[in-house]
Amino acid sequence: MLTLAFDTSSQTASIALLRDDVIIYDVVINSGINHSEVLLTAIDEACRHTGVKTEDIDLFACTLGPGSFTGLRVGISTLKGLLFAAGKPAVGVSTLEALALNVKGNAEVICSVMDAGRGQVYTACYSCDGKGFLNRLCPERVLDPNEIVLNDMSQDTIFVGEGAVKYSEILMEKSKKVKIACSMQQYIRASAVGILGREKFFRNELLSPAGFVPVYLRSADAQPGRGLFEH
């Protein structure tokens, strides 16, 4: 089973190819916000490098958000174009969950934190179940960094994402059991999107082209004073 996955939710774009559960291509491109100029070319290069033809791809996966409004639209529009041409199954993946996968197994609780601008962050927390799958512990939210409240201060917690780096001083004050992921783990990799996409495929969580809608979060969830674990 061949999976093509990509992410365009931030300043970097990422493209990956997986053959079954083996990553055969994974690249991150620092393209700023001009993903529309590089994404299709990067996908063509991925296929050329691996000897894969687009018609051979069995599953497409891309991030739905949250993230850059423009970047998400570029990624989703590209995916819809590929689906129109190929007619293959497709899945959408959360950027926050893809980030969390970077540090799976490094702590009891994983808190993904993406810079949302305006002094806010996109965030959600995850744990890992006995089968190695990520479980989300709270809704995805937009919050001020100082509004992030950990549910259990006794648990080892790791913060991951560019927002975690930007607001590390605030986050490190949350608990003595908090740490920040290393620099190599702070960016969304399309290989993580592909891994999560395969999990969704086997759970039959497929989307039609019309179902690919960007997840922006901003207006609905930017409510001051709501802690991370408040529903």
Protein backbone atom coordinates (compact mmCIF):
# COMPACT_ATOMS: atom_id res chain seq x y z
CA MET A 1 0.00 0.00 0.00
CA LEU A 2 1.47 3.34 -1.10
CA THR A 3 0.57 6.47 0.86
CA LEU A 4 1.34 10.03 -0.23
CA ALA A 5 1.16 12.52 2.63
CA PHE A 6 1.87 16.23 2.87
CA ASP A 7 1.54 19.20 5.20
CA THR A 8 1.35 22.91 4.35
CA SER A 9 0.06 24.30 7.65
CA SER A 10 3.11 26.39 8.61
CA GLN A 11 6.19 28.13 7.19
CA THR A 12 7.54 24.74 6.12
CA ALA A 13 6.00 22.27 3.70
CA SER A 14 6.57 18.54 4.07
CA ILE A 15 6.02 15.64 1.67
CA ALA A 16 6.36 11.92 2.39
CA LEU A 17 5.77 8.57 0.73
CA LEU A 18 5.16 5.38 2.69
CA ARG A 19 5.12 1.83 1.37
CA ASP A 20 2.93 0.04 3.88
CA ASP A 21 4.36 1.24 7.22
CA VAL A 22 7.86 1.97 5.87
CA ILE A 23 8.81 5.59 5.14
CA ILE A 24 10.52 5.64 1.74
CA TYR A 25 10.65 9.43 1.27
CA ASP A 26 10.35 12.29 3.75
CA VAL A 27 11.41 15.87 3.11
CA VAL A 28 10.76 19.27 4.70
CA ILE A 29 10.95 22.40 2.54
CA ASN A 30 11.34 25.87 4.02
CA SER A 31 9.17 27.65 1.47
CA GLY A 32 7.79 30.42 3.67
CA ILE A 33 4.11 30.74 2.85
CA ASN A 34 4.56 30.20 -0.91
CA HIS A 35 3.51 26.57 -0.78
CA SER A 36 1.45 26.91 -3.94
CA GLU A 37 4.68 27.50 -5.89
CA VAL A 38 6.49 24.40 -4.63
CA LEU A 39 4.01 21.72 -3.52
CA LEU A 40 3.19 20.02 -6.82
CA THR A 41 6.83 20.21 -7.91
CA ALA A 42 7.87 18.64 -4.60
CA ILE A 43 5.31 15.85 -5.02
CA ASP A 44 6.60 15.18 -8.55
CA GLU A 45 10.17 15.06 -7.18
CA ALA A 46 9.11 12.61 -4.45
CA CYS A 47 7.59 10.31 -7.06
CA ARG A 48 10.59 10.62 -9.39
CA HIS A 49 13.06 9.93 -6.57
CA THR A 50 11.23 6.78 -5.45
CA GLY A 51 10.13 5.53 -8.86
CA VAL A 52 6.48 5.84 -7.87
CA LYS A 53 3.79 7.01 -10.28
CA THR A 54 0.90 9.06 -8.94
CA GLU A 55 -1.55 6.52 -10.37
CA ASP A 56 0.11 3.86 -8.17
CA ILE A 57 -0.68 5.72 -4.94
CA ASP A 58 -3.35 3.95 -2.89
CA LEU A 59 -4.01 6.57 -0.19
CA PHE A 60 -3.68 10.34 0.07
CA ALA A 61 -3.33 12.14 3.41
CA CYS A 62 -2.99 15.81 4.25
CA THR A 63 -3.34 18.03 7.29
CA LEU A 64 -6.64 19.84 7.87
CA GLY A 65 -5.36 22.26 10.50
CA PRO A 66 -5.15 24.19 12.61
CA GLY A 67 -2.45 26.36 11.09
CA SER A 68 -1.83 29.00 8.44
CA PHE A 69 -5.12 29.82 6.70
CA THR A 70 -3.40 30.25 3.32
CA GLY A 71 -1.22 27.17 3.74
CA LEU A 72 -4.14 24.93 4.67
CA ARG A 73 -6.13 26.08 1.65
CA VAL A 74 -3.19 25.32 -0.65
CA GLY A 75 -2.78 21.82 0.76
CA ILE A 76 -6.46 20.95 0.65
CA SER A 77 -6.90 22.36 -2.87
CA THR A 78 -3.93 20.31 -4.05
CA LEU A 79 -5.33 17.18 -2.45
CA LYS A 80 -8.71 17.69 -4.10
CA GLY A 81 -6.99 18.04 -7.47
CA LEU A 82 -5.09 14.79 -6.92
CA LEU A 83 -8.28 13.02 -5.87
CA PHE A 84 -10.11 14.26 -8.95
CA ALA A 85 -7.38 12.78 -11.14
CA ALA A 86 -6.77 9.55 -9.22
CA GLY A 87 -10.10 8.70 -7.56
CA LYS A 88 -8.34 7.03 -4.61
CA PRO A 89 -9.18 7.08 -0.86
CA ALA A 90 -8.10 10.06 1.24
CA VAL A 91 -7.93 11.07 4.89
CA GLY A 92 -7.45 14.31 6.80
CA VAL A 93 -5.10 14.57 9.78
CA SER A 94 -4.85 17.08 12.63
CA THR A 95 -1.64 19.12 12.64
CA LEU A 96 -1.58 18.96 16.45
CA GLU A 97 -1.81 15.16 16.43
CA ALA A 98 0.95 14.93 13.81
CA LEU A 99 3.15 17.08 16.06
CA ALA A 100 2.39 14.86 19.04
CA LEU A 101 3.51 11.79 17.12
CA ASN A 102 7.03 13.28 16.95
CA VAL A 103 7.48 12.70 20.69
CA LYS A 104 5.25 9.69 21.32
CA GLY A 105 6.68 7.68 24.21
CA ASN A 106 8.74 10.58 25.58
CA ALA A 107 6.29 11.47 28.38
CA GLU A 108 2.95 10.47 29.90
CA VAL A 109 1.26 13.55 28.44
CA ILE A 110 2.11 15.25 25.14
CA CYS A 111 0.97 18.84 24.65
CA SER A 112 1.20 20.13 21.08
CA VAL A 113 1.58 23.90 20.86
CA MET A 114 1.55 25.79 17.55
CA ASP A 115 2.02 29.55 17.25
CA ALA A 116 -1.34 31.03 16.24
CA GLY A 117 -0.18 34.65 16.12
CA ARG A 118 -1.80 37.49 18.08
CA GLY A 119 -0.04 36.19 21.21
CA GLN A 120 -2.02 32.94 21.13
CA VAL A 121 -1.38 29.26 20.43
CA TYR A 122 -3.24 26.31 18.93
CA THR A 123 -3.00 23.46 21.40
CA ALA A 124 -4.24 20.02 22.46
CA CYS A 125 -2.96 17.29 24.77
CA TYR A 126 -2.53 13.58 24.09
CA SER A 127 -1.58 10.36 25.84
CA CYS A 128 -0.49 7.04 24.39
CA ASP A 129 -2.66 3.96 24.94
CA GLY A 130 -1.48 0.40 25.49
CA LYS A 131 -1.52 -0.31 21.75
CA GLY A 132 0.68 2.66 20.92
CA PHE A 133 -2.07 4.90 19.55
CA LEU A 134 -2.48 8.55 20.52
CA ASN A 135 -5.59 9.52 22.48
CA ARG A 136 -6.60 13.16 22.61
CA LEU A 137 -7.29 14.28 26.18
CA CYS A 138 -9.05 17.57 25.43
CA PRO A 139 -10.52 19.55 22.54
CA GLU A 140 -8.23 21.42 20.16
CA ARG A 141 -8.24 25.05 21.28
CA VAL A 142 -6.89 28.54 20.67
CA LEU A 143 -5.57 29.94 23.95
CA ASP A 144 -3.20 32.47 25.41
CA PRO A 145 -0.10 30.49 26.51
CA ASN A 146 -0.69 31.35 30.17
CA GLU A 147 -4.19 29.84 29.95
CA ILE A 148 -2.84 26.34 29.34
CA VAL A 149 -3.67 24.37 32.49
CA LEU A 150 -2.36 20.83 32.94
CA ASN A 151 -4.95 18.42 34.32
CA ASP A 152 -2.49 16.44 36.47
CA MET A 153 0.64 18.23 37.67
CA SER A 154 2.18 14.90 38.76
CA GLN A 155 2.44 13.52 35.22
CA ASP A 156 5.53 13.89 33.06
CA THR A 157 4.54 16.29 30.27
CA ILE A 158 6.36 17.27 27.10
CA PHE A 159 5.46 20.34 25.04
CA VAL A 160 6.17 20.14 21.32
CA GLY A 161 5.86 22.64 18.46
CA GLU A 162 7.16 26.05 17.48
CA GLY A 163 4.71 27.62 19.93
CA ALA A 164 6.28 25.56 22.71
CA VAL A 165 9.67 27.06 21.89
CA LYS A 166 8.34 30.61 21.57
CA TYR A 167 6.55 30.47 24.93
CA SER A 168 8.86 28.03 26.70
CA GLU A 169 9.39 30.26 29.75
CA ILE A 170 5.64 30.41 30.42
CA LEU A 171 5.13 26.69 29.81
CA MET A 172 8.04 25.57 31.98
CA GLU A 173 6.37 27.28 34.94
CA LYS A 174 3.37 24.92 34.71
CA SER A 175 5.03 22.05 36.56
CA LYS A 176 8.43 20.71 37.59
CA LYS A 177 7.66 17.66 35.42
CA VAL A 178 7.46 19.67 32.19
CA LYS A 179 10.00 19.59 29.39
CA ILE A 180 10.25 21.06 25.89
CA ALA A 181 10.91 18.80 22.89
CA CYS A 182 14.26 19.13 21.12
CA SER A 183 14.59 21.31 18.02
CA MET A 184 14.44 18.39 15.56
CA GLN A 185 11.00 17.44 16.89
CA GLN A 186 9.35 20.86 16.63
CA TYR A 187 8.13 20.66 13.03
CA ILE A 188 5.34 18.67 11.44
CA ARG A 189 6.68 15.92 9.21
CA ALA A 190 4.58 14.46 6.43
CA SER A 191 5.75 11.00 7.48
CA ALA A 192 3.78 11.48 10.72
CA VAL A 193 0.78 12.58 8.65
CA GLY A 194 1.15 9.40 6.60
CA ILE A 195 1.38 7.16 9.66
CA LEU A 196 -1.73 8.72 11.20
CA GLY A 197 -3.44 8.65 7.82
CA ARG A 198 -2.91 4.89 7.56
CA GLU A 199 -4.42 4.44 11.01
CA LYS A 200 -7.47 6.42 9.91
CA PHE A 201 -7.70 4.39 6.70
CA PHE A 202 -7.84 1.11 8.62
CA ARG A 203 -10.51 2.61 10.90
CA ASN A 204 -12.44 3.56 7.75
CA GLU A 205 -12.27 7.28 8.62
CA LEU A 206 -12.16 8.35 4.98
CA LEU A 207 -13.24 11.71 3.61
CA SER A 208 -14.84 12.63 0.32
CA PRO A 209 -13.35 15.64 -1.52
CA ALA A 210 -16.18 17.78 -0.12
CA GLY A 211 -15.25 16.65 3.40
CA PHE A 212 -11.83 18.28 3.24
CA VAL A 213 -12.51 21.55 5.04
CA PRO A 214 -9.77 23.54 6.83
CA VAL A 215 -9.89 23.50 10.63
CA TYR A 216 -9.18 27.10 11.65
CA LEU A 217 -10.34 27.12 15.32
CA ARG A 218 -9.79 30.86 15.70
CA SER A 219 -13.26 32.37 16.07
CA ALA A 220 -15.02 29.52 17.87
CA ASP A 221 -12.39 28.69 20.47
CA ALA A 222 -10.62 31.95 21.26
CA GLN A 223 -12.47 32.48 24.52
CA PRO A 224 -10.40 34.02 27.34
CA GLY A 225 -10.29 32.16 30.61
CA ARG A 226 -11.06 28.66 29.31
CA GLY A 227 -8.41 26.20 30.44
CA LEU A 228 -7.14 23.51 28.14
CA PHE A 229 -9.10 20.68 29.79
CA GLU A 230 -12.39 22.60 30.16
CA HIS A 231 -15.07 21.27 27.81
